[in-house]
Amino acid sequence: MEAFMQTAGKLSAKKPAAKATTSGDDDVQILKSTKRKGPTSSAPSASRRRSRALGSTLKSSTPEPSLNPCVDLAKVVADLSSSTFPGSACFLPYGDLPKAFESVQFDLLQVMSQIHHIEDMVNEQSSKKELESVNAQLKEEKNKVLVQGKEIKSLQLKLKNSKEAETATAAENTALTRQLEETQEELCGLKLEKESFEDERMMAVSGAKVTARWELMREWLKEQTDKWELVVEFQRYKLVKEAEAKLRGLPPPSFDDEPPLPEAAAAKETSPAPSEGAGASPTA
């Protein structure tokens, strides 16, 4: 490219400045007309900057030097063909140098424009692939977030149910504890009542026995035993003992050890029953 620029400078010195300027303007217009329509980018690429720099260099007007008849134009064209286009079979014509230079400039600008468009297409395809990759990653991350959100909601629901069950269990335990305490209090009260009832019963039975014995002794001391009905009281005594044995599941008691009744008492077997207030038999 450096050799091309040097050779182009030599050729530019040969032709008029006005023609070079007009030719450069036409080439820039051709470049703009051949450029395909596409999305505009805010920052120009490196190839576009190189194209503009080259166009501005080619169409910049330089002071026209005096023609030097000693310059070998054939050698200049040969050097330009061999150094600038070494891989191409085409060579610049020797006849009309301005047209040859204009053709080279147009081809170069067209190639640079095509390279620029190819670079834009490559960048667009690369950006599209990157965008698809980013979209796929975002979709995957979104799916992961959705799955995690569902898991979090499920765990929150389980935690809520566990807390509700724990609250219900605690309330039930509190109620059962209170009920147990009340039952224990009632049981203690029943035990106290039972003990008190047993004491009262023992006192009542013992008091009745003591009272009956004392009444019998008092009648005996006052010699009032003639109104005792020994046979009737003895029959009552036997009925009571037999009933107690039957209730307890014991064999019927024997009364052989009881003392014999007096004959006088036996003679009064058909006499009326004693009045109320008479005590129990002496054997009681």
C-alpha atoms as a PDB file:
ATOM      1  CA  MET A   1       0.000   0.000   0.000  1.00  0.00           C
ATOM      2  CA  GLU A   2       2.918   2.355   0.699  1.00  0.00           C
ATOM      3  CA  ALA A   3       4.338   1.704  -2.763  1.00  0.00           C
ATOM      4  CA  PHE A   4       0.892   2.275  -4.270  1.00  0.00           C
ATOM      5  CA  MET A   5       0.546   5.599  -2.502  1.00  0.00           C
ATOM      6  CA  GLN A   6       4.000   6.729  -3.671  1.00  0.00           C
ATOM      7  CA  THR A   7       3.229   5.788  -7.260  1.00  0.00           C
ATOM      8  CA  ALA A   8      -0.197   7.426  -7.044  1.00  0.00           C
ATOM      9  CA  GLY A   9       1.489  10.624  -5.831  1.00  0.00           C
ATOM     10  CA  LYS A  10       3.804  10.601  -8.812  1.00  0.00           C
ATOM     11  CA  LEU A  11       0.882  10.139 -11.194  1.00  0.00           C
ATOM     12  CA  SER A  12      -1.173  12.808  -9.465  1.00  0.00           C
ATOM     13  CA  ALA A  13       1.654  15.287 -10.077  1.00  0.00           C
ATOM     14  CA  LYS A  14       1.317  14.713 -13.842  1.00  0.00           C
ATOM     15  CA  LYS A  15      -2.385  15.568 -14.261  1.00  0.00           C
ATOM     16  CA  PRO A  16      -4.236  18.820 -13.552  1.00  0.00           C
ATOM     17  CA  ALA A  17      -5.514  19.399 -10.056  1.00  0.00           C
ATOM     18  CA  ALA A  18      -9.033  20.198 -11.235  1.00  0.00           C
ATOM     19  CA  LYS A  19      -9.407  16.928 -13.094  1.00  0.00           C
ATOM     20  CA  ALA A  20      -8.112  14.983 -10.114  1.00  0.00           C
ATOM     21  CA  THR A  21     -10.645  16.681  -7.898  1.00  0.00           C
ATOM     22  CA  THR A  22     -13.509  15.984 -10.309  1.00  0.00           C
ATOM     23  CA  SER A  23     -12.431  12.370 -10.725  1.00  0.00           C
ATOM     24  CA  GLY A  24     -12.214  11.911  -6.949  1.00  0.00           C
ATOM     25  CA  ASP A  25     -15.714  13.340  -6.440  1.00  0.00           C
ATOM     26  CA  ASP A  26     -17.134  10.984  -9.055  1.00  0.00           C
ATOM     27  CA  ASP A  27     -15.495   8.001  -7.376  1.00  0.00           C
ATOM     28  CA  VAL A  28     -16.887   8.958  -3.990  1.00  0.00           C
ATOM     29  CA  GLN A  29     -20.360   9.239  -5.535  1.00  0.00           C
ATOM     30  CA  ILE A  30     -19.953   5.835  -7.173  1.00  0.00           C
ATOM     31  CA  LEU A  31     -18.969   4.364  -3.826  1.00  0.00           C
ATOM     32  CA  LYS A  32     -22.066   5.811  -2.207  1.00  0.00           C
ATOM     33  CA  SER A  33     -24.335   4.528  -4.984  1.00  0.00           C
ATOM     34  CA  THR A  34     -22.946   1.002  -4.882  1.00  0.00           C
ATOM     35  CA  LYS A  35     -23.224   0.729  -1.110  1.00  0.00           C
ATOM     36  CA  ARG A  36     -26.219  -1.457  -0.115  1.00  0.00           C
ATOM     37  CA  LYS A  37     -28.838  -0.171   2.236  1.00  0.00           C
ATOM     38  CA  GLY A  38     -28.484  -1.512   5.752  1.00  0.00           C
ATOM     39  CA  PRO A  39     -28.667  -0.519   9.381  1.00  0.00           C
ATOM     40  CA  THR A  40     -26.559   2.544  10.144  1.00  0.00           C
ATOM     41  CA  SER A  41     -24.055   2.240  12.931  1.00  0.00           C
ATOM     42  CA  SER A  42     -23.134   5.028  15.252  1.00  0.00           C
ATOM     43  CA  ALA A  43     -19.373   4.322  15.129  1.00  0.00           C
ATOM     44  CA  PRO A  44     -17.724   3.831  11.662  1.00  0.00           C
ATOM     45  CA  SER A  45     -15.644   0.712  11.205  1.00  0.00           C
ATOM     46  CA  ALA A  46     -11.934   0.637  10.484  1.00  0.00           C
ATOM     47  CA  SER A  47     -12.446  -0.200   6.791  1.00  0.00           C
ATOM     48  CA  ARG A  48     -14.823   2.764   6.357  1.00  0.00           C
ATOM     49  CA  ARG A  49     -12.289   5.063   7.981  1.00  0.00           C
ATOM     50  CA  ARG A  50      -9.571   3.693   5.697  1.00  0.00           C
ATOM     51  CA  SER A  51     -11.846   4.230   2.663  1.00  0.00           C
ATOM     52  CA  ARG A  52     -12.551   7.824   3.631  1.00  0.00           C
ATOM     53  CA  ALA A  53      -8.898   8.496   4.325  1.00  0.00           C
ATOM     54  CA  LEU A  54      -7.928   7.054   0.951  1.00  0.00           C
ATOM     55  CA  GLY A  55     -10.644   9.043  -0.862  1.00  0.00           C
ATOM     56  CA  SER A  56      -9.651  12.250   0.836  1.00  0.00           C
ATOM     57  CA  THR A  57      -6.026  11.576   0.001  1.00  0.00           C
ATOM     58  CA  LEU A  58      -6.788  10.894  -3.633  1.00  0.00           C
ATOM     59  CA  LYS A  59      -9.048  13.874  -4.147  1.00  0.00           C
ATOM     60  CA  SER A  60      -6.955  16.342  -2.171  1.00  0.00           C
ATOM     61  CA  SER A  61      -5.534  18.961  -4.459  1.00  0.00           C
ATOM     62  CA  THR A  62      -1.780  19.202  -4.446  1.00  0.00           C
ATOM     63  CA  PRO A  63       0.218  22.001  -6.005  1.00  0.00           C
ATOM     64  CA  GLU A  64       0.803  21.079  -9.633  1.00  0.00           C
ATOM     65  CA  PRO A  65       4.503  20.774 -10.275  1.00  0.00           C
ATOM     66  CA  SER A  66       6.120  21.564 -13.552  1.00  0.00           C
ATOM     67  CA  LEU A  67       6.231  18.703 -16.032  1.00  0.00           C
ATOM     68  CA  ASN A  68       9.489  16.868 -15.868  1.00  0.00           C
ATOM     69  CA  PRO A  69      10.324  15.329 -19.233  1.00  0.00           C
ATOM     70  CA  CYS A  70      12.927  13.134 -17.583  1.00  0.00           C
ATOM     71  CA  VAL A  71      10.305  10.919 -15.803  1.00  0.00           C
ATOM     72  CA  ASP A  72       9.878   7.529 -17.499  1.00  0.00           C
ATOM     73  CA  LEU A  73       6.116   6.956 -17.552  1.00  0.00           C
ATOM     74  CA  ALA A  74       6.412   3.390 -18.793  1.00  0.00           C
ATOM     75  CA  LYS A  75       8.623   2.538 -15.849  1.00  0.00           C
ATOM     76  CA  VAL A  76       6.183   4.164 -13.432  1.00  0.00           C
ATOM     77  CA  VAL A  77       3.254   2.136 -14.830  1.00  0.00           C
ATOM     78  CA  ALA A  78       5.301  -1.071 -14.721  1.00  0.00           C
ATOM     79  CA  ASP A  79       6.287  -0.415 -11.115  1.00  0.00           C
ATOM     80  CA  LEU A  80       2.658   0.289 -10.223  1.00  0.00           C
ATOM     81  CA  SER A  81       1.461  -2.942 -11.854  1.00  0.00           C
ATOM     82  CA  SER A  82       4.191  -5.114 -10.294  1.00  0.00           C
ATOM     83  CA  SER A  83       4.129  -3.621  -6.773  1.00  0.00           C
ATOM     84  CA  THR A  84       0.410  -2.944  -6.339  1.00  0.00           C
ATOM     85  CA  PHE A  85      -1.114  -5.895  -8.178  1.00  0.00           C
ATOM     86  CA  PRO A  86       1.524  -8.653  -8.020  1.00  0.00           C
ATOM     87  CA  GLY A  87      -1.059 -11.464  -7.978  1.00  0.00           C
ATOM     88  CA  SER A  88      -3.205 -10.177 -10.852  1.00  0.00           C
ATOM     89  CA  ALA A  89      -2.706 -10.914 -14.540  1.00  0.00           C
ATOM     90  CA  CYS A  90      -4.049  -7.501 -15.549  1.00  0.00           C
ATOM     91  CA  PHE A  91      -1.675  -4.580 -16.063  1.00  0.00           C
ATOM     92  CA  LEU A  92      -2.388  -0.910 -16.294  1.00  0.00           C
ATOM     93  CA  PRO A  93      -2.513   0.508 -19.809  1.00  0.00           C
ATOM     94  CA  TYR A  94       0.266   2.820 -20.814  1.00  0.00           C
ATOM     95  CA  GLY A  95      -1.723   4.980 -23.214  1.00  0.00           C
ATOM     96  CA  ASP A  96      -4.039   7.127 -21.049  1.00  0.00           C
ATOM     97  CA  LEU A  97      -2.645   7.429 -17.541  1.00  0.00           C
ATOM     98  CA  PRO A  98      -5.502   9.488 -16.014  1.00  0.00           C
ATOM     99  CA  LYS A  99      -8.074   6.939 -17.118  1.00  0.00           C
ATOM    100  CA  ALA A 100      -5.874   4.104 -15.867  1.00  0.00           C
ATOM    101  CA  PHE A 101      -5.461   5.806 -12.525  1.00  0.00           C
ATOM    102  CA  GLU A 102      -9.205   6.501 -12.353  1.00  0.00           C
ATOM    103  CA  SER A 103      -9.957   2.844 -13.107  1.00  0.00           C
ATOM    104  CA  VAL A 104      -7.554   1.677 -10.410  1.00  0.00           C
ATOM    105  CA  GLN A 105      -9.033   4.100  -7.917  1.00  0.00           C
ATOM    106  CA  PHE A 106     -12.602   3.001  -8.723  1.00  0.00           C
ATOM    107  CA  ASP A 107     -11.734  -0.709  -8.450  1.00  0.00           C
ATOM    108  CA  LEU A 108      -9.913  -0.132  -5.186  1.00  0.00           C
ATOM    109  CA  LEU A 109     -12.764   1.829  -3.667  1.00  0.00           C
ATOM    110  CA  GLN A 110     -15.295  -0.761  -4.862  1.00  0.00           C
ATOM    111  CA  VAL A 111     -13.253  -3.582  -3.315  1.00  0.00           C
ATOM    112  CA  MET A 112     -12.914  -1.655  -0.066  1.00  0.00           C
ATOM    113  CA  SER A 113     -16.658  -0.986  -0.072  1.00  0.00           C
ATOM    114  CA  GLN A 114     -17.368  -4.674  -0.630  1.00  0.00           C
ATOM    115  CA  ILE A 115     -14.935  -5.573   2.159  1.00  0.00           C
ATOM    116  CA  HIS A 116     -16.707  -3.107   4.413  1.00  0.00           C
ATOM    117  CA  HIS A 117     -20.115  -4.625   3.616  1.00  0.00           C
ATOM    118  CA  ILE A 118     -18.758  -8.147   4.089  1.00  0.00           C
ATOM    119  CA  GLU A 119     -17.352  -7.085   7.445  1.00  0.00           C
ATOM    120  CA  ASP A 120     -20.758  -5.638   8.399  1.00  0.00           C
ATOM    121  CA  MET A 121     -22.459  -8.883   7.343  1.00  0.00           C
ATOM    122  CA  VAL A 122     -19.971 -10.939   9.345  1.00  0.00           C
ATOM    123  CA  ASN A 123     -20.442  -8.680  12.348  1.00  0.00           C
ATOM    124  CA  GLU A 124     -24.213  -8.885  11.942  1.00  0.00           C
ATOM    125  CA  GLN A 125     -24.158 -12.688  11.743  1.00  0.00           C
ATOM    126  CA  SER A 126     -21.794 -12.854  14.698  1.00  0.00           C
ATOM    127  CA  SER A 127     -24.024 -10.470  16.656  1.00  0.00           C
ATOM    128  CA  LYS A 128     -27.060 -12.545  15.693  1.00  0.00           C
ATOM    129  CA  LYS A 129     -25.389 -15.739  16.896  1.00  0.00           C
ATOM    130  CA  GLU A 130     -24.301 -14.035  20.097  1.00  0.00           C
ATOM    131  CA  LEU A 131     -27.832 -12.681  20.571  1.00  0.00           C
ATOM    132  CA  GLU A 132     -29.307 -16.152  20.037  1.00  0.00           C
ATOM    133  CA  SER A 133     -26.797 -17.594  22.503  1.00  0.00           C
ATOM    134  CA  VAL A 134     -27.621 -14.885  25.049  1.00  0.00           C
ATOM    135  CA  ASN A 135     -31.358 -15.443  24.505  1.00  0.00           C
ATOM    136  CA  ALA A 136     -30.907 -19.187  25.006  1.00  0.00           C
ATOM    137  CA  GLN A 137     -28.942 -18.560  28.199  1.00  0.00           C
ATOM    138  CA  LEU A 138     -31.567 -16.079  29.402  1.00  0.00           C
ATOM    139  CA  LYS A 139     -34.330 -18.576  28.633  1.00  0.00           C
ATOM    140  CA  GLU A 140     -32.471 -21.295  30.524  1.00  0.00           C
ATOM    141  CA  GLU A 141     -31.865 -18.987  33.469  1.00  0.00           C
ATOM    142  CA  LYS A 142     -35.516 -17.926  33.366  1.00  0.00           C
ATOM    143  CA  ASN A 143     -36.619 -21.574  33.471  1.00  0.00           C
ATOM    144  CA  LYS A 144     -34.278 -22.189  36.391  1.00  0.00           C
ATOM    145  CA  VAL A 145     -35.672 -19.142  38.196  1.00  0.00           C
ATOM    146  CA  LEU A 146     -39.237 -20.337  37.549  1.00  0.00           C
ATOM    147  CA  VAL A 147     -38.420 -23.815  38.876  1.00  0.00           C
ATOM    148  CA  GLN A 148     -36.738 -22.321  41.927  1.00  0.00           C
ATOM    149  CA  GLY A 149     -39.732 -20.017  42.428  1.00  0.00           C
ATOM    150  CA  LYS A 150     -42.092 -23.006  42.365  1.00  0.00           C
ATOM    151  CA  GLU A 151     -39.869 -24.861  44.829  1.00  0.00           C
ATOM    152  CA  ILE A 152     -39.771 -21.808  47.100  1.00  0.00           C
ATOM    153  CA  LYS A 153     -43.570 -21.496  46.979  1.00  0.00           C
ATOM    154  CA  SER A 154     -43.930 -25.211  47.752  1.00  0.00           C
ATOM    155  CA  LEU A 155     -41.526 -24.928  50.683  1.00  0.00           C
ATOM    156  CA  GLN A 156     -43.334 -21.818  51.939  1.00  0.00           C
ATOM    157  CA  LEU A 157     -46.660 -23.666  51.758  1.00  0.00           C
ATOM    158  CA  LYS A 158     -45.178 -26.649  53.618  1.00  0.00           C
ATOM    159  CA  LEU A 159     -43.702 -24.311  56.223  1.00  0.00           C
ATOM    160  CA  LYS A 160     -47.055 -22.560  56.623  1.00  0.00           C
ATOM    161  CA  ASN A 161     -48.856 -25.891  57.019  1.00  0.00           C
ATOM    162  CA  SER A 162     -46.227 -27.037  59.522  1.00  0.00           C
ATOM    163  CA  LYS A 163     -46.649 -23.847  61.538  1.00  0.00           C
ATOM    164  CA  GLU A 164     -50.437 -24.217  61.501  1.00  0.00           C
ATOM    165  CA  ALA A 165     -50.163 -27.876  62.536  1.00  0.00           C
ATOM    166  CA  GLU A 166     -47.689 -26.916  65.261  1.00  0.00           C
ATOM    167  CA  THR A 167     -50.048 -24.206  66.523  1.00  0.00           C
ATOM    168  CA  ALA A 168     -53.004 -26.617  66.529  1.00  0.00           C
ATOM    169  CA  THR A 169     -50.926 -29.277  68.311  1.00  0.00           C
ATOM    170  CA  ALA A 170     -49.777 -26.760  70.921  1.00  0.00           C
ATOM    171  CA  ALA A 171     -53.370 -25.640  71.533  1.00  0.00           C
ATOM    172  CA  GLU A 172     -54.514 -29.263  71.815  1.00  0.00           C
ATOM    173  CA  ASN A 173     -51.676 -30.063  74.220  1.00  0.00           C
ATOM    174  CA  THR A 174     -52.605 -27.033  76.322  1.00  0.00           C
ATOM    175  CA  ALA A 175     -56.249 -28.137  76.442  1.00  0.00           C
ATOM    176  CA  LEU A 176     -55.280 -31.726  77.321  1.00  0.00           C
ATOM    177  CA  THR A 177     -52.904 -30.501  80.021  1.00  0.00           C
ATOM    178  CA  ARG A 178     -55.634 -28.325  81.524  1.00  0.00           C
ATOM    179  CA  GLN A 179     -58.111 -31.211  81.342  1.00  0.00           C
ATOM    180  CA  LEU A 180     -55.581 -33.545  82.981  1.00  0.00           C
ATOM    181  CA  GLU A 181     -54.991 -31.060  85.776  1.00  0.00           C
ATOM    182  CA  GLU A 182     -58.731 -30.727  86.328  1.00  0.00           C
ATOM    183  CA  THR A 183     -59.115 -34.529  86.354  1.00  0.00           C
ATOM    184  CA  GLN A 184     -56.281 -34.859  88.856  1.00  0.00           C
ATOM    185  CA  GLU A 185     -57.891 -32.217  91.044  1.00  0.00           C
ATOM    186  CA  GLU A 186     -61.228 -34.051  90.863  1.00  0.00           C
ATOM    187  CA  LEU A 187     -59.487 -37.340  91.671  1.00  0.00           C
ATOM    188  CA  CYS A 188     -57.764 -35.794  94.666  1.00  0.00           C
ATOM    189  CA  GLY A 189     -61.101 -34.388  95.795  1.00  0.00           C
ATOM    190  CA  LEU A 190     -62.740 -37.808  95.436  1.00  0.00           C
ATOM    191  CA  LYS A 191     -59.921 -39.421  97.392  1.00  0.00           C
ATOM    192  CA  LEU A 192     -60.345 -36.873 100.161  1.00  0.00           C
ATOM    193  CA  GLU A 193     -64.105 -37.401 100.141  1.00  0.00           C
ATOM    194  CA  LYS A 194     -63.598 -41.164 100.288  1.00  0.00           C
ATOM    195  CA  GLU A 195     -61.221 -40.900 103.215  1.00  0.00           C
ATOM    196  CA  SER A 196     -63.570 -38.503 104.951  1.00  0.00           C
ATOM    197  CA  PHE A 197     -66.523 -40.808 104.221  1.00  0.00           C
ATOM    198  CA  GLU A 198     -64.648 -43.801 105.608  1.00  0.00           C
ATOM    199  CA  ASP A 199     -63.787 -41.871 108.733  1.00  0.00           C
ATOM    200  CA  GLU A 200     -67.353 -40.677 109.144  1.00  0.00           C
ATOM    201  CA  ARG A 201     -68.697 -44.202 108.567  1.00  0.00           C
ATOM    202  CA  MET A 202     -66.298 -45.697 111.095  1.00  0.00           C
ATOM    203  CA  MET A 203     -67.214 -43.003 113.580  1.00  0.00           C
ATOM    204  CA  ALA A 204     -70.930 -43.561 112.961  1.00  0.00           C
ATOM    205  CA  VAL A 205     -70.670 -47.357 113.298  1.00  0.00           C
ATOM    206  CA  SER A 206     -68.455 -47.155 116.349  1.00  0.00           C
ATOM    207  CA  GLY A 207     -70.707 -44.537 117.909  1.00  0.00           C
ATOM    208  CA  ALA A 208     -73.807 -46.659 117.244  1.00  0.00           C
ATOM    209  CA  LYS A 209     -72.169 -49.687 118.830  1.00  0.00           C
ATOM    210  CA  VAL A 210     -71.043 -47.725 121.851  1.00  0.00           C
ATOM    211  CA  THR A 211     -74.479 -46.155 122.216  1.00  0.00           C
ATOM    212  CA  ALA A 212     -76.273 -49.531 121.915  1.00  0.00           C
ATOM    213  CA  ARG A 213     -73.994 -51.189 124.430  1.00  0.00           C
ATOM    214  CA  TRP A 214     -74.414 -48.388 126.902  1.00  0.00           C
ATOM    215  CA  GLU A 215     -78.192 -48.490 126.566  1.00  0.00           C
ATOM    216  CA  LEU A 216     -78.139 -52.252 127.206  1.00  0.00           C
ATOM    217  CA  MET A 217     -75.887 -51.803 130.182  1.00  0.00           C
ATOM    218  CA  ARG A 218     -78.076 -49.037 131.502  1.00  0.00           C
ATOM    219  CA  GLU A 219     -81.187 -51.253 131.237  1.00  0.00           C
ATOM    220  CA  TRP A 220     -79.340 -54.091 132.903  1.00  0.00           C
ATOM    221  CA  LEU A 221     -78.195 -51.783 135.709  1.00  0.00           C
ATOM    222  CA  LYS A 222     -81.748 -50.544 136.216  1.00  0.00           C
ATOM    223  CA  GLU A 223     -82.980 -54.136 136.185  1.00  0.00           C
ATOM    224  CA  GLN A 224     -85.139 -53.525 133.196  1.00  0.00           C
ATOM    225  CA  THR A 225     -84.077 -56.692 131.344  1.00  0.00           C
ATOM    226  CA  ASP A 226     -87.551 -58.166 131.589  1.00  0.00           C
ATOM    227  CA  LYS A 227     -88.566 -56.341 128.437  1.00  0.00           C
ATOM    228  CA  TRP A 228     -85.747 -57.865 126.329  1.00  0.00           C
ATOM    229  CA  GLU A 229     -86.970 -60.242 123.635  1.00  0.00           C
ATOM    230  CA  LEU A 230     -83.936 -62.420 123.180  1.00  0.00           C
ATOM    231  CA  VAL A 231     -85.393 -64.835 120.617  1.00  0.00           C
ATOM    232  CA  VAL A 232     -86.552 -62.074 118.251  1.00  0.00           C
ATOM    233  CA  GLU A 233     -83.257 -60.210 118.474  1.00  0.00           C
ATOM    234  CA  PHE A 234     -81.314 -63.411 117.931  1.00  0.00           C
ATOM    235  CA  GLN A 235     -83.286 -64.151 114.752  1.00  0.00           C
ATOM    236  CA  ARG A 236     -82.567 -60.652 113.496  1.00  0.00           C
ATOM    237  CA  TYR A 237     -78.891 -61.098 114.253  1.00  0.00           C
ATOM    238  CA  LYS A 238     -78.746 -64.330 112.257  1.00  0.00           C
ATOM    239  CA  LEU A 239     -80.452 -62.683 109.261  1.00  0.00           C
ATOM    240  CA  VAL A 240     -77.914 -59.859 109.230  1.00  0.00           C
ATOM    241  CA  LYS A 241     -74.891 -62.211 109.411  1.00  0.00           C
ATOM    242  CA  GLU A 242     -76.215 -64.481 106.686  1.00  0.00           C
ATOM    243  CA  ALA A 243     -76.888 -61.484 104.401  1.00  0.00           C
ATOM    244  CA  GLU A 244     -73.338 -60.164 104.911  1.00  0.00           C
ATOM    245  CA  ALA A 245     -71.818 -63.578 104.131  1.00  0.00           C
ATOM    246  CA  LYS A 246     -73.916 -63.868 100.981  1.00  0.00           C
ATOM    247  CA  LEU A 247     -72.868 -60.412  99.759  1.00  0.00           C
ATOM    248  CA  ARG A 248     -69.190 -61.181 100.327  1.00  0.00           C
ATOM    249  CA  GLY A 249     -69.415 -64.609  98.707  1.00  0.00           C
ATOM    250  CA  LEU A 250     -68.571 -66.427 101.939  1.00  0.00           C
ATOM    251  CA  PRO A 251     -70.138 -69.627 103.258  1.00  0.00           C
ATOM    252  CA  PRO A 252     -73.072 -69.156 105.658  1.00  0.00           C
ATOM    253  CA  PRO A 253     -71.941 -68.604 109.260  1.00  0.00           C
ATOM    254  CA  SER A 254     -72.485 -71.097 112.048  1.00  0.00           C
ATOM    255  CA  PHE A 255     -74.237 -70.078 115.268  1.00  0.00           C
ATOM    256  CA  ASP A 256     -73.266 -73.126 117.370  1.00  0.00           C
ATOM    257  CA  ASP A 257     -70.977 -71.075 119.573  1.00  0.00           C
ATOM    258  CA  GLU A 258     -73.754 -68.718 120.607  1.00  0.00           C
ATOM    259  CA  PRO A 259     -74.876 -69.054 124.267  1.00  0.00           C
ATOM    260  CA  PRO A 260     -78.218 -70.763 124.913  1.00  0.00           C
ATOM    261  CA  LEU A 261     -81.270 -68.612 125.490  1.00  0.00           C
ATOM    262  CA  PRO A 262     -83.098 -68.775 128.840  1.00  0.00           C
ATOM    263  CA  GLU A 263     -86.340 -70.769 128.924  1.00  0.00           C
ATOM    264  CA  ALA A 264     -88.255 -67.791 130.161  1.00  0.00           C
ATOM    265  CA  ALA A 265     -87.299 -65.928 127.037  1.00  0.00           C
ATOM    266  CA  ALA A 266     -88.354 -68.903 124.911  1.00  0.00           C
ATOM    267  CA  ALA A 267     -91.786 -68.913 126.568  1.00  0.00           C
ATOM    268  CA  LYS A 268     -92.349 -65.360 125.440  1.00  0.00           C
ATOM    269  CA  GLU A 269     -91.641 -66.148 121.778  1.00  0.00           C
ATOM    270  CA  THR A 270     -95.134 -65.109 120.688  1.00  0.00           C
ATOM    271  CA  SER A 271     -95.173 -61.862 122.676  1.00  0.00           C
ATOM    272  CA  PRO A 272     -95.317 -58.447 120.818  1.00  0.00           C
ATOM    273  CA  ALA A 273     -92.120 -56.836 119.511  1.00  0.00           C
ATOM    274  CA  PRO A 274     -90.276 -54.388 121.783  1.00  0.00           C
ATOM    275  CA  SER A 275     -90.907 -50.699 121.472  1.00  0.00           C
ATOM    276  CA  GLU A 276     -88.650 -48.433 119.457  1.00  0.00           C
ATOM    277  CA  GLY A 277     -85.524 -47.283 121.213  1.00  0.00           C
ATOM    278  CA  ALA A 278     -84.704 -50.678 122.656  1.00  0.00           C
ATOM    279  CA  GLY A 279     -81.076 -51.552 121.980  1.00  0.00           C
ATOM    280  CA  ALA A 280     -79.535 -54.473 120.202  1.00  0.00           C
ATOM    281  CA  SER A 281     -78.943 -57.883 121.733  1.00  0.00           C
ATOM    282  CA  PRO A 282     -76.082 -58.318 124.176  1.00  0.00           C
ATOM    283  CA  THR A 283     -74.252 -60.551 121.704  1.00  0.00           C
ATOM    284  CA  ALA A 284     -74.107 -57.665 119.246  1.00  0.00           C
END
